[in-house]
Amino acid sequence: MSIIVSPSLLAADFMNLGKEVEMVNRSEADWIHLDIMDGVFVPNISYGLPVVSQIKKIARKPLDVHLMIVQPERYVEEFHKAGADILTVHLEASTHLHRTVQQIKKLGMQAGIALNPHTPVSQLEDIIQDTDVVLIMSVNPGFGGQSFIPHALEKVKKLRTLIQCSQSNARIEIDGGVNFETGRQLIEAGADALVAGSFVFKSEYPEETIRELKKL
């Protein structure tokens, strides 16, 4: 099964966002990754529900929405209405994580759980079977274009073991510093999906870059 590629619109040209989405539509990308930041959970503010709703109108790929916000459970229904197909919340931001995951799934979305670089995968032991996607942050969340944290490779290996031992169907997604080199290492470690922002949108030929990531 080929690797899933989810280009992150955080690195797109916001003056030409429609054209950037159309490029992803034409490409071999599988998902469109949307980073929602509130300036509280992470030290940056990105975009919110109105932008997601507009992207949904022209997107021909599933919307992979990553909430980097406090108390994400407050907005699960709103992001469902806005068009999220996959909704990922941070373990560190959700006090009642199991309830939030069930809320997401009840609305028909895939439920994702994200882990910051310092959070061990062992904290997923009691919820991994209820999870569709685990997003490992391989940079500190909040800003695009950061350098890859090598320890993420070991986390992916540990997570793959946990998934196999628990007979979970969860996919492993990676976000941060993904390029051809790190992408290959992550896939070898057990990753299923790669989020790529700057590497795709700053590329001279972004559709070709996506195609090559799919071949890793």
N, C-alpha and C. Protein backbone atom coordinates (compact mmCIF):
# COMPACT_ATOMS: atom_id res chain seq x y z
N MET A 1 0.85 -1.19 0.00
CA MET A 1 0.00 0.00 0.00
C MET A 1 0.89 1.24 0.00
N SER A 2 0.61 2.19 -0.90
CA SER A 2 1.45 3.37 -1.02
C SER A 2 1.24 4.31 0.15
N ILE A 3 2.25 5.12 0.38
CA ILE A 3 2.21 6.06 1.49
C ILE A 3 1.16 7.14 1.22
N ILE A 4 0.51 7.60 2.27
CA ILE A 4 -0.45 8.71 2.17
C ILE A 4 0.32 10.02 2.27
N VAL A 5 0.05 10.96 1.37
CA VAL A 5 0.68 12.28 1.41
C VAL A 5 -0.41 13.32 1.64
N SER A 6 -0.19 14.17 2.64
CA SER A 6 -1.17 15.18 3.05
C SER A 6 -0.49 16.56 3.06
N PRO A 7 -0.49 17.27 1.93
CA PRO A 7 0.16 18.59 1.88
C PRO A 7 -0.51 19.57 2.85
N SER A 8 0.30 20.29 3.61
CA SER A 8 -0.21 21.22 4.61
C SER A 8 -0.36 22.62 4.03
N LEU A 9 -1.59 23.12 4.02
CA LEU A 9 -1.86 24.44 3.46
C LEU A 9 -1.29 25.57 4.30
N LEU A 10 -0.75 25.27 5.47
CA LEU A 10 -0.12 26.32 6.28
C LEU A 10 1.03 26.96 5.51
N ALA A 11 1.65 26.20 4.61
CA ALA A 11 2.78 26.70 3.84
C ALA A 11 2.37 27.23 2.47
N ALA A 12 1.08 27.21 2.17
CA ALA A 12 0.60 27.67 0.87
C ALA A 12 0.64 29.19 0.76
N ASP A 13 0.46 29.68 -0.47
CA ASP A 13 0.35 31.11 -0.73
C ASP A 13 -1.08 31.54 -0.43
N PHE A 14 -1.29 32.22 0.69
CA PHE A 14 -2.65 32.57 1.11
C PHE A 14 -3.32 33.59 0.17
N MET A 15 -2.52 34.32 -0.60
CA MET A 15 -3.10 35.24 -1.57
C MET A 15 -3.71 34.49 -2.75
N ASN A 16 -3.29 33.24 -2.92
CA ASN A 16 -3.78 32.41 -4.03
C ASN A 16 -4.21 31.04 -3.51
N LEU A 17 -4.95 31.04 -2.41
CA LEU A 17 -5.28 29.78 -1.75
C LEU A 17 -6.11 28.86 -2.63
N GLY A 18 -7.04 29.43 -3.39
CA GLY A 18 -7.86 28.62 -4.29
C GLY A 18 -7.01 27.87 -5.31
N LYS A 19 -6.02 28.56 -5.88
CA LYS A 19 -5.13 27.93 -6.86
C LYS A 19 -4.28 26.85 -6.22
N GLU A 20 -3.87 27.08 -4.97
CA GLU A 20 -3.06 26.09 -4.25
C GLU A 20 -3.88 24.82 -3.99
N VAL A 21 -5.14 24.99 -3.61
CA VAL A 21 -6.01 23.83 -3.40
C VAL A 21 -6.23 23.09 -4.70
N GLU A 22 -6.42 23.82 -5.79
CA GLU A 22 -6.60 23.17 -7.09
C GLU A 22 -5.36 22.38 -7.50
N MET A 23 -4.18 22.90 -7.15
CA MET A 23 -2.95 22.16 -7.43
C MET A 23 -2.95 20.83 -6.68
N VAL A 24 -3.34 20.87 -5.41
CA VAL A 24 -3.40 19.64 -4.63
C VAL A 24 -4.45 18.69 -5.21
N ASN A 25 -5.58 19.24 -5.66
CA ASN A 25 -6.61 18.43 -6.29
C ASN A 25 -6.06 17.67 -7.50
N ARG A 26 -5.26 18.36 -8.30
CA ARG A 26 -4.70 17.73 -9.51
C ARG A 26 -3.63 16.70 -9.19
N SER A 27 -2.99 16.88 -8.07
CA SER A 27 -1.83 16.06 -7.72
C SER A 27 -2.23 14.67 -7.25
N GLU A 28 -1.22 13.87 -6.92
CA GLU A 28 -1.45 12.53 -6.40
C GLU A 28 -1.60 12.52 -4.88
N ALA A 29 -1.72 13.69 -4.27
CA ALA A 29 -1.92 13.77 -2.82
C ALA A 29 -3.20 13.04 -2.43
N ASP A 30 -3.22 12.52 -1.21
CA ASP A 30 -4.37 11.77 -0.72
C ASP A 30 -5.31 12.64 0.12
N TRP A 31 -4.74 13.48 0.96
CA TRP A 31 -5.51 14.34 1.86
C TRP A 31 -5.02 15.78 1.72
N ILE A 32 -5.79 16.71 2.27
CA ILE A 32 -5.36 18.10 2.41
C ILE A 32 -5.28 18.40 3.90
N HIS A 33 -4.09 18.77 4.37
CA HIS A 33 -3.86 18.98 5.80
C HIS A 33 -4.10 20.44 6.16
N LEU A 34 -4.95 20.66 7.19
CA LEU A 34 -5.27 22.01 7.64
C LEU A 34 -4.89 22.15 9.11
N ASP A 35 -3.97 23.06 9.40
CA ASP A 35 -3.50 23.30 10.77
C ASP A 35 -4.26 24.46 11.39
N ILE A 36 -5.03 24.17 12.43
CA ILE A 36 -5.82 25.19 13.11
C ILE A 36 -5.12 25.54 14.42
N MET A 37 -4.67 26.80 14.55
CA MET A 37 -3.91 27.24 15.72
C MET A 37 -4.63 28.40 16.41
N ASP A 38 -4.64 28.37 17.75
CA ASP A 38 -5.41 29.36 18.49
C ASP A 38 -4.57 30.41 19.22
N GLY A 39 -3.25 30.32 19.15
CA GLY A 39 -2.42 31.29 19.86
C GLY A 39 -2.36 31.05 21.36
N VAL A 40 -2.97 29.96 21.82
CA VAL A 40 -2.96 29.62 23.25
C VAL A 40 -2.25 28.28 23.44
N PHE A 41 -2.77 27.24 22.81
CA PHE A 41 -2.10 25.94 22.88
C PHE A 41 -0.74 25.99 22.18
N VAL A 42 -0.68 26.73 21.10
CA VAL A 42 0.59 26.97 20.39
C VAL A 42 0.78 28.47 20.22
N PRO A 43 2.02 28.94 20.10
CA PRO A 43 2.28 30.39 20.06
C PRO A 43 2.09 30.99 18.67
N ASN A 44 0.99 30.66 18.02
CA ASN A 44 0.74 31.20 16.70
C ASN A 44 -0.75 31.09 16.43
N ILE A 45 -1.25 31.90 15.50
CA ILE A 45 -2.65 31.85 15.08
C ILE A 45 -2.65 31.63 13.57
N SER A 46 -3.43 30.67 13.10
CA SER A 46 -3.46 30.40 11.66
C SER A 46 -4.79 30.84 11.06
N TYR A 47 -5.68 29.92 10.81
CA TYR A 47 -6.99 30.23 10.24
C TYR A 47 -8.03 29.36 10.94
N GLY A 48 -9.29 29.66 10.70
CA GLY A 48 -10.34 28.95 11.43
C GLY A 48 -11.45 28.42 10.55
N LEU A 49 -12.63 28.33 11.13
CA LEU A 49 -13.78 27.68 10.48
C LEU A 49 -14.18 28.28 9.13
N PRO A 50 -14.21 29.60 8.96
CA PRO A 50 -14.62 30.14 7.65
C PRO A 50 -13.69 29.70 6.52
N VAL A 51 -12.40 29.64 6.79
CA VAL A 51 -11.44 29.23 5.76
C VAL A 51 -11.62 27.75 5.42
N VAL A 52 -11.81 26.93 6.45
CA VAL A 52 -12.04 25.50 6.21
C VAL A 52 -13.29 25.30 5.36
N SER A 53 -14.35 26.03 5.66
CA SER A 53 -15.60 25.93 4.90
C SER A 53 -15.41 26.28 3.44
N GLN A 54 -14.63 27.32 3.17
CA GLN A 54 -14.38 27.74 1.78
C GLN A 54 -13.52 26.72 1.04
N ILE A 55 -12.52 26.18 1.72
CA ILE A 55 -11.66 25.16 1.10
C ILE A 55 -12.49 23.92 0.75
N LYS A 56 -13.41 23.56 1.62
CA LYS A 56 -14.25 22.38 1.39
C LYS A 56 -15.04 22.49 0.09
N LYS A 57 -15.41 23.70 -0.29
CA LYS A 57 -16.22 23.90 -1.48
C LYS A 57 -15.49 23.48 -2.76
N ILE A 58 -14.17 23.58 -2.75
CA ILE A 58 -13.42 23.24 -3.97
C ILE A 58 -12.51 22.03 -3.82
N ALA A 59 -12.34 21.54 -2.59
CA ALA A 59 -11.44 20.40 -2.36
C ALA A 59 -12.02 19.11 -2.91
N ARG A 60 -11.19 18.34 -3.58
CA ARG A 60 -11.60 17.02 -4.06
C ARG A 60 -10.83 15.91 -3.33
N LYS A 61 -10.18 16.29 -2.25
CA LYS A 61 -9.49 15.35 -1.38
C LYS A 61 -10.07 15.50 0.04
N PRO A 62 -10.01 14.45 0.85
CA PRO A 62 -10.49 14.57 2.23
C PRO A 62 -9.72 15.65 3.00
N LEU A 63 -10.44 16.38 3.84
CA LEU A 63 -9.81 17.41 4.66
C LEU A 63 -9.32 16.79 5.96
N ASP A 64 -8.01 16.88 6.16
CA ASP A 64 -7.29 16.31 7.30
C ASP A 64 -7.02 17.46 8.27
N VAL A 65 -7.93 17.67 9.22
CA VAL A 65 -7.91 18.88 10.06
C VAL A 65 -7.24 18.59 11.40
N HIS A 66 -6.20 19.35 11.70
CA HIS A 66 -5.38 19.17 12.90
C HIS A 66 -5.62 20.36 13.83
N LEU A 67 -6.32 20.11 14.94
CA LEU A 67 -6.64 21.17 15.89
C LEU A 67 -5.53 21.34 16.92
N MET A 68 -4.81 22.44 16.83
CA MET A 68 -3.82 22.81 17.83
C MET A 68 -4.43 23.91 18.68
N ILE A 69 -5.47 23.50 19.42
CA ILE A 69 -6.25 24.45 20.21
C ILE A 69 -6.57 23.85 21.57
N VAL A 70 -6.82 24.71 22.55
CA VAL A 70 -7.23 24.23 23.87
C VAL A 70 -8.71 23.84 23.81
N GLN A 71 -9.09 22.91 24.65
CA GLN A 71 -10.47 22.42 24.73
C GLN A 71 -11.08 22.17 23.34
N PRO A 72 -10.44 21.30 22.55
CA PRO A 72 -10.91 21.08 21.18
C PRO A 72 -12.34 20.53 21.11
N GLU A 73 -12.79 19.89 22.20
CA GLU A 73 -14.13 19.30 22.19
C GLU A 73 -15.22 20.35 21.96
N ARG A 74 -14.91 21.62 22.24
CA ARG A 74 -15.90 22.69 22.03
C ARG A 74 -16.23 22.91 20.56
N TYR A 75 -15.33 22.48 19.67
CA TYR A 75 -15.49 22.82 18.25
C TYR A 75 -15.62 21.60 17.34
N VAL A 76 -15.79 20.43 17.90
CA VAL A 76 -15.88 19.22 17.08
C VAL A 76 -17.04 19.31 16.09
N GLU A 77 -18.20 19.67 16.57
CA GLU A 77 -19.38 19.74 15.70
C GLU A 77 -19.22 20.82 14.63
N GLU A 78 -18.62 21.95 15.01
CA GLU A 78 -18.43 23.04 14.04
C GLU A 78 -17.48 22.65 12.92
N PHE A 79 -16.41 21.93 13.26
CA PHE A 79 -15.49 21.51 12.20
C PHE A 79 -16.08 20.42 11.34
N HIS A 80 -16.95 19.62 11.91
CA HIS A 80 -17.68 18.65 11.10
C HIS A 80 -18.55 19.38 10.08
N LYS A 81 -19.27 20.38 10.53
CA LYS A 81 -20.12 21.17 9.62
C LYS A 81 -19.28 21.89 8.56
N ALA A 82 -18.09 22.30 8.94
CA ALA A 82 -17.20 23.02 8.01
C ALA A 82 -16.62 22.10 6.94
N GLY A 83 -16.66 20.79 7.20
CA GLY A 83 -16.20 19.86 6.16
C GLY A 83 -15.05 18.96 6.50
N ALA A 84 -14.65 18.89 7.77
CA ALA A 84 -13.53 18.01 8.14
C ALA A 84 -13.92 16.55 7.93
N ASP A 85 -13.01 15.80 7.32
CA ASP A 85 -13.19 14.35 7.16
C ASP A 85 -12.42 13.58 8.22
N ILE A 86 -11.24 14.10 8.55
CA ILE A 86 -10.42 13.57 9.63
C ILE A 86 -10.22 14.71 10.61
N LEU A 87 -10.50 14.48 11.88
CA LEU A 87 -10.34 15.54 12.87
C LEU A 87 -9.40 15.05 13.97
N THR A 88 -8.27 15.72 14.09
CA THR A 88 -7.23 15.33 15.04
C THR A 88 -7.12 16.35 16.16
N VAL A 89 -7.15 15.84 17.40
CA VAL A 89 -7.00 16.69 18.58
C VAL A 89 -5.74 16.27 19.32
N HIS A 90 -5.19 17.18 20.10
CA HIS A 90 -3.98 16.87 20.86
C HIS A 90 -4.32 16.18 22.18
N LEU A 91 -3.60 15.12 22.46
CA LEU A 91 -3.74 14.44 23.75
C LEU A 91 -3.52 15.43 24.89
N GLU A 92 -2.56 16.33 24.72
CA GLU A 92 -2.20 17.27 25.78
C GLU A 92 -3.28 18.34 26.01
N ALA A 93 -4.19 18.50 25.04
CA ALA A 93 -5.18 19.58 25.12
C ALA A 93 -6.57 19.10 25.49
N SER A 94 -6.76 17.80 25.55
CA SER A 94 -8.10 17.27 25.77
C SER A 94 -8.14 16.48 27.08
N THR A 95 -8.82 17.04 28.08
CA THR A 95 -8.89 16.40 29.40
C THR A 95 -9.64 15.08 29.34
N HIS A 96 -10.74 15.05 28.59
CA HIS A 96 -11.56 13.84 28.47
C HIS A 96 -11.40 13.32 27.03
N LEU A 97 -10.23 12.77 26.76
CA LEU A 97 -9.86 12.41 25.39
C LEU A 97 -10.77 11.33 24.81
N HIS A 98 -11.09 10.32 25.59
CA HIS A 98 -11.94 9.25 25.09
C HIS A 98 -13.30 9.80 24.66
N ARG A 99 -13.86 10.68 25.46
CA ARG A 99 -15.15 11.29 25.12
C ARG A 99 -15.05 12.09 23.82
N THR A 100 -13.95 12.82 23.66
CA THR A 100 -13.77 13.63 22.45
C THR A 100 -13.63 12.75 21.23
N VAL A 101 -12.86 11.67 21.33
CA VAL A 101 -12.69 10.73 20.21
C VAL A 101 -14.05 10.14 19.83
N GLN A 102 -14.83 9.74 20.81
CA GLN A 102 -16.15 9.17 20.52
C GLN A 102 -17.07 10.21 19.88
N GLN A 103 -16.96 11.43 20.31
CA GLN A 103 -17.75 12.53 19.74
C GLN A 103 -17.42 12.71 18.26
N ILE A 104 -16.14 12.67 17.93
CA ILE A 104 -15.69 12.81 16.54
C ILE A 104 -16.23 11.67 15.68
N LYS A 105 -16.09 10.46 16.17
CA LYS A 105 -16.50 9.28 15.40
C LYS A 105 -18.02 9.22 15.24
N LYS A 106 -18.75 9.65 16.25
CA LYS A 106 -20.21 9.63 16.19
C LYS A 106 -20.73 10.52 15.06
N LEU A 107 -19.98 11.58 14.75
CA LEU A 107 -20.36 12.50 13.68
C LEU A 107 -19.92 12.00 12.30
N GLY A 108 -19.25 10.85 12.27
CA GLY A 108 -18.87 10.25 10.99
C GLY A 108 -17.49 10.61 10.48
N MET A 109 -16.72 11.31 11.29
CA MET A 109 -15.34 11.65 10.91
C MET A 109 -14.38 10.60 11.43
N GLN A 110 -13.19 10.51 10.83
CA GLN A 110 -12.13 9.73 11.42
C GLN A 110 -11.54 10.53 12.57
N ALA A 111 -11.19 9.84 13.66
CA ALA A 111 -10.68 10.51 14.85
C ALA A 111 -9.17 10.34 14.94
N GLY A 112 -8.49 11.46 15.08
CA GLY A 112 -7.03 11.43 15.22
C GLY A 112 -6.60 11.98 16.57
N ILE A 113 -5.47 11.48 17.06
CA ILE A 113 -4.87 11.99 18.28
C ILE A 113 -3.44 12.41 17.95
N ALA A 114 -3.09 13.64 18.29
CA ALA A 114 -1.74 14.15 18.04
C ALA A 114 -0.94 14.15 19.34
N LEU A 115 0.37 13.90 19.18
CA LEU A 115 1.31 13.91 20.30
C LEU A 115 2.41 14.92 20.04
N ASN A 116 2.65 15.80 21.01
CA ASN A 116 3.79 16.70 20.93
C ASN A 116 5.10 15.91 21.06
N PRO A 117 6.23 16.52 20.67
CA PRO A 117 7.50 15.79 20.71
C PRO A 117 7.86 15.18 22.07
N HIS A 118 7.43 15.82 23.17
CA HIS A 118 7.82 15.34 24.50
C HIS A 118 6.87 14.28 25.06
N THR A 119 5.77 14.01 24.37
CA THR A 119 4.75 13.11 24.91
C THR A 119 5.03 11.67 24.47
N PRO A 120 5.20 10.74 25.40
CA PRO A 120 5.48 9.34 25.03
C PRO A 120 4.27 8.63 24.45
N VAL A 121 4.51 7.72 23.52
CA VAL A 121 3.41 6.99 22.90
C VAL A 121 2.71 6.07 23.89
N SER A 122 3.36 5.77 25.01
CA SER A 122 2.74 4.90 26.01
C SER A 122 1.44 5.49 26.55
N GLN A 123 1.28 6.81 26.45
CA GLN A 123 0.05 7.44 26.93
C GLN A 123 -1.17 7.10 26.07
N LEU A 124 -0.93 6.43 24.95
CA LEU A 124 -2.03 6.04 24.06
C LEU A 124 -2.55 4.63 24.34
N GLU A 125 -1.92 3.93 25.27
CA GLU A 125 -2.23 2.51 25.47
C GLU A 125 -3.71 2.24 25.68
N ASP A 126 -4.41 3.10 26.42
CA ASP A 126 -5.80 2.84 26.76
C ASP A 126 -6.80 3.41 25.76
N ILE A 127 -6.29 3.98 24.66
CA ILE A 127 -7.22 4.56 23.69
C ILE A 127 -6.85 4.20 22.24
N ILE A 128 -5.75 3.53 22.04
CA ILE A 128 -5.26 3.26 20.69
C ILE A 128 -6.28 2.49 19.84
N GLN A 129 -7.06 1.61 20.47
CA GLN A 129 -8.02 0.82 19.71
C GLN A 129 -9.22 1.64 19.23
N ASP A 130 -9.42 2.80 19.82
CA ASP A 130 -10.53 3.67 19.42
C ASP A 130 -10.10 4.74 18.41
N THR A 131 -8.84 4.73 18.05
CA THR A 131 -8.26 5.81 17.27
C THR A 131 -8.06 5.40 15.82
N ASP A 132 -8.36 6.31 14.90
CA ASP A 132 -8.15 6.03 13.47
C ASP A 132 -6.78 6.49 12.99
N VAL A 133 -6.30 7.59 13.56
CA VAL A 133 -5.02 8.17 13.15
C VAL A 133 -4.27 8.65 14.39
N VAL A 134 -2.96 8.40 14.45
CA VAL A 134 -2.12 9.02 15.47
C VAL A 134 -1.12 9.91 14.74
N LEU A 135 -1.14 11.20 15.10
CA LEU A 135 -0.26 12.18 14.46
C LEU A 135 0.92 12.45 15.38
N ILE A 136 2.09 12.00 14.96
CA ILE A 136 3.32 12.27 15.71
C ILE A 136 3.92 13.59 15.22
N MET A 137 4.06 14.54 16.13
CA MET A 137 4.69 15.81 15.77
C MET A 137 6.21 15.63 15.79
N SER A 138 6.83 15.82 14.63
CA SER A 138 8.29 15.70 14.54
C SER A 138 8.96 17.07 14.53
N VAL A 139 8.18 18.09 14.88
CA VAL A 139 8.68 19.43 15.24
C VAL A 139 7.80 19.91 16.39
N ASN A 140 8.19 20.96 17.08
CA ASN A 140 7.33 21.55 18.08
C ASN A 140 6.22 22.31 17.36
N PRO A 141 4.94 22.03 17.67
CA PRO A 141 3.84 22.60 16.90
C PRO A 141 3.73 24.11 17.05
N GLY A 142 3.25 24.74 15.99
CA GLY A 142 3.00 26.18 16.04
C GLY A 142 3.53 26.95 14.85
N PHE A 143 4.57 26.44 14.20
CA PHE A 143 5.17 27.15 13.07
C PHE A 143 5.59 26.16 11.99
N GLY A 144 5.46 26.56 10.73
CA GLY A 144 5.93 25.75 9.62
C GLY A 144 7.41 25.95 9.39
N GLY A 145 8.00 25.07 8.59
CA GLY A 145 9.38 25.22 8.16
C GLY A 145 10.44 24.89 9.19
N GLN A 146 10.09 24.15 10.25
CA GLN A 146 11.07 23.82 11.28
C GLN A 146 11.85 22.55 10.92
N SER A 147 12.95 22.35 11.62
CA SER A 147 13.80 21.19 11.37
C SER A 147 13.24 19.94 12.05
N PHE A 148 13.40 18.83 11.41
CA PHE A 148 12.94 17.53 11.88
C PHE A 148 13.64 17.13 13.18
N ILE A 149 12.85 16.62 14.15
CA ILE A 149 13.41 16.12 15.41
C ILE A 149 13.66 14.61 15.24
N PRO A 150 14.92 14.17 15.21
CA PRO A 150 15.24 12.76 14.91
C PRO A 150 14.58 11.74 15.84
N HIS A 151 14.34 12.13 17.10
CA HIS A 151 13.74 11.20 18.06
C HIS A 151 12.37 10.70 17.60
N ALA A 152 11.75 11.43 16.67
CA ALA A 152 10.44 11.01 16.16
C ALA A 152 10.50 9.62 15.53
N LEU A 153 11.64 9.26 14.99
CA LEU A 153 11.79 7.94 14.36
C LEU A 153 11.60 6.83 15.40
N GLU A 154 12.17 7.02 16.57
CA GLU A 154 12.03 6.02 17.63
C GLU A 154 10.58 5.96 18.11
N LYS A 155 9.93 7.12 18.16
CA LYS A 155 8.52 7.15 18.57
C LYS A 155 7.64 6.40 17.58
N VAL A 156 7.93 6.55 16.31
CA VAL A 156 7.16 5.83 15.29
C VAL A 156 7.31 4.32 15.47
N LYS A 157 8.52 3.87 15.72
CA LYS A 157 8.76 2.44 15.93
C LYS A 157 7.99 1.93 17.14
N LYS A 158 8.02 2.68 18.23
CA LYS A 158 7.29 2.29 19.44
C LYS A 158 5.78 2.27 19.19
N LEU A 159 5.32 3.25 18.45
CA LEU A 159 3.89 3.33 18.15
C LEU A 159 3.47 2.17 17.26
N ARG A 160 4.30 1.81 16.28
CA ARG A 160 3.98 0.68 15.41
C ARG A 160 3.85 -0.60 16.24
N THR A 161 4.74 -0.77 17.20
CA THR A 161 4.67 -1.95 18.08
C THR A 161 3.39 -1.94 18.90
N LEU A 162 3.04 -0.77 19.45
CA LEU A 162 1.82 -0.65 20.24
C LEU A 162 0.58 -0.98 19.41
N ILE A 163 0.53 -0.47 18.19
CA ILE A 163 -0.60 -0.72 17.30
C ILE A 163 -0.74 -2.21 16.99
N GLN A 164 0.39 -2.85 16.71
CA GLN A 164 0.36 -4.28 16.39
C GLN A 164 -0.04 -5.11 17.60
N CYS A 165 0.50 -4.78 18.76
CA CYS A 165 0.20 -5.55 19.98
C CYS A 165 -1.26 -5.41 20.41
N SER A 166 -1.86 -4.25 20.15
CA SER A 166 -3.23 -4.00 20.55
C SER A 166 -4.23 -4.32 19.44
N GLN A 167 -3.70 -4.74 18.28
CA GLN A 167 -4.54 -5.05 17.11
C GLN A 167 -5.42 -3.87 16.70
N SER A 168 -4.84 -2.68 16.83
CA SER A 168 -5.51 -1.46 16.40
C SER A 168 -5.34 -1.28 14.89
N ASN A 169 -6.27 -0.56 14.30
CA ASN A 169 -6.18 -0.24 12.87
C ASN A 169 -5.69 1.19 12.64
N ALA A 170 -5.18 1.82 13.67
CA ALA A 170 -4.76 3.22 13.56
C ALA A 170 -3.62 3.40 12.57
N ARG A 171 -3.70 4.48 11.81
CA ARG A 171 -2.62 4.86 10.91
C ARG A 171 -1.67 5.80 11.66
N ILE A 172 -0.40 5.74 11.28
CA ILE A 172 0.60 6.63 11.86
C ILE A 172 0.90 7.75 10.87
N GLU A 173 0.62 8.98 11.28
CA GLU A 173 0.85 10.17 10.46
C GLU A 173 1.95 11.00 11.11
N ILE A 174 2.79 11.62 10.29
CA ILE A 174 3.91 12.43 10.79
C ILE A 174 3.81 13.84 10.25
N ASP A 175 4.05 14.82 11.12
CA ASP A 175 3.96 16.22 10.73
C ASP A 175 5.18 16.97 11.24
N GLY A 176 5.97 17.50 10.29
CA GLY A 176 7.10 18.35 10.67
C GLY A 176 8.42 17.95 10.06
N GLY A 177 8.99 18.82 9.24
CA GLY A 177 10.31 18.58 8.69
C GLY A 177 10.38 17.43 7.70
N VAL A 178 9.26 17.11 7.07
CA VAL A 178 9.24 15.98 6.12
C VAL A 178 9.84 16.40 4.78
N ASN A 179 10.80 15.62 4.31
CA ASN A 179 11.36 15.77 2.97
C ASN A 179 11.65 14.37 2.44
N PHE A 180 12.36 14.25 1.34
CA PHE A 180 12.62 12.92 0.79
C PHE A 180 13.43 12.05 1.75
N GLU A 181 14.43 12.65 2.39
CA GLU A 181 15.30 11.89 3.29
C GLU A 181 14.56 11.45 4.56
N THR A 182 13.97 12.44 5.25
CA THR A 182 13.26 12.09 6.49
C THR A 182 12.03 11.24 6.20
N GLY A 183 11.37 11.51 5.07
CA GLY A 183 10.20 10.73 4.70
C GLY A 183 10.53 9.26 4.53
N ARG A 184 11.65 8.99 3.88
CA ARG A 184 12.08 7.59 3.68
C ARG A 184 12.38 6.93 5.03
N GLN A 185 13.03 7.65 5.91
CA GLN A 185 13.34 7.11 7.23
C GLN A 185 12.07 6.83 8.03
N LEU A 186 11.11 7.72 7.92
CA LEU A 186 9.85 7.56 8.66
C LEU A 186 9.05 6.36 8.16
N ILE A 187 9.04 6.18 6.86
CA ILE A 187 8.33 5.02 6.29
C ILE A 187 8.99 3.73 6.73
N GLU A 188 10.31 3.71 6.73
CA GLU A 188 11.05 2.51 7.18
C GLU A 188 10.75 2.23 8.65
N ALA A 189 10.50 3.28 9.44
CA ALA A 189 10.21 3.11 10.86
C ALA A 189 8.77 2.65 11.11
N GLY A 190 7.90 2.83 10.08
CA GLY A 190 6.53 2.35 10.22
C GLY A 190 5.44 3.37 9.97
N ALA A 191 5.77 4.54 9.45
CA ALA A 191 4.77 5.57 9.19
C ALA A 191 3.88 5.21 8.00
N ASP A 192 2.63 5.65 8.06
CA ASP A 192 1.67 5.43 6.98
C ASP A 192 1.37 6.69 6.18
N ALA A 193 1.48 7.86 6.82
CA ALA A 193 1.08 9.12 6.20
C ALA A 193 2.08 10.22 6.53
N LEU A 194 2.39 11.02 5.52
CA LEU A 194 3.34 12.12 5.68
C LEU A 194 2.65 13.45 5.41
N VAL A 195 2.76 14.36 6.37
CA VAL A 195 2.32 15.74 6.16
C VAL A 195 3.53 16.53 5.68
N ALA A 196 3.37 17.25 4.58
CA ALA A 196 4.48 18.04 4.05
C ALA A 196 3.96 19.43 3.69
N GLY A 197 4.56 20.44 4.29
CA GLY A 197 4.13 21.81 4.04
C GLY A 197 5.11 22.56 3.16
N SER A 198 6.13 23.13 3.78
CA SER A 198 7.12 23.92 3.04
C SER A 198 7.78 23.11 1.92
N PHE A 199 8.03 21.84 2.19
CA PHE A 199 8.72 21.00 1.19
C PHE A 199 7.92 20.90 -0.10
N VAL A 200 6.60 20.93 0.02
CA VAL A 200 5.75 20.87 -1.17
C VAL A 200 5.54 22.25 -1.76
N PHE A 201 5.06 23.18 -0.94
CA PHE A 201 4.61 24.46 -1.48
C PHE A 201 5.75 25.42 -1.84
N LYS A 202 6.93 25.18 -1.30
CA LYS A 202 8.07 26.00 -1.69
C LYS A 202 8.86 25.35 -2.84
N SER A 203 8.40 24.19 -3.26
CA SER A 203 9.05 23.48 -4.35
C SER A 203 8.76 24.17 -5.68
N GLU A 204 9.70 24.09 -6.61
CA GLU A 204 9.49 24.67 -7.94
C GLU A 204 8.40 23.92 -8.69
N TYR A 205 8.33 22.61 -8.44
CA TYR A 205 7.32 21.77 -9.09
C TYR A 205 6.59 20.96 -8.01
N PRO A 206 5.63 21.57 -7.32
CA PRO A 206 4.99 20.92 -6.18
C PRO A 206 4.28 19.61 -6.52
N GLU A 207 3.65 19.54 -7.68
CA GLU A 207 2.96 18.29 -8.04
C GLU A 207 3.96 17.15 -8.20
N GLU A 208 5.12 17.46 -8.75
CA GLU A 208 6.17 16.44 -8.90
C GLU A 208 6.72 16.04 -7.54
N THR A 209 6.87 17.01 -6.65
CA THR A 209 7.34 16.71 -5.30
C THR A 209 6.38 15.76 -4.60
N ILE A 210 5.09 16.01 -4.72
CA ILE A 210 4.08 15.12 -4.14
C ILE A 210 4.19 13.73 -4.75
N ARG A 211 4.35 13.68 -6.06
CA ARG A 211 4.47 12.38 -6.75
C ARG A 211 5.67 11.60 -6.23
N GLU A 212 6.77 12.28 -6.03
CA GLU A 212 7.99 11.60 -5.54
C GLU A 212 7.84 11.15 -4.10
N LEU A 213 7.14 11.94 -3.28
CA LEU A 213 6.88 11.51 -1.90
C LEU A 213 6.04 10.23 -1.88
N LYS A 214 5.10 10.13 -2.81
CA LYS A 214 4.25 8.93 -2.89
C LYS A 214 5.05 7.69 -3.24
N LYS A 215 6.19 7.90 -3.90
CA LYS A 215 7.01 6.75 -4.34
C LYS A 215 7.97 6.25 -3.28
N LEU A 216 8.10 6.98 -2.17
CA LEU A 216 9.08 6.60 -1.15
C LEU A 216 8.77 5.22 -0.56
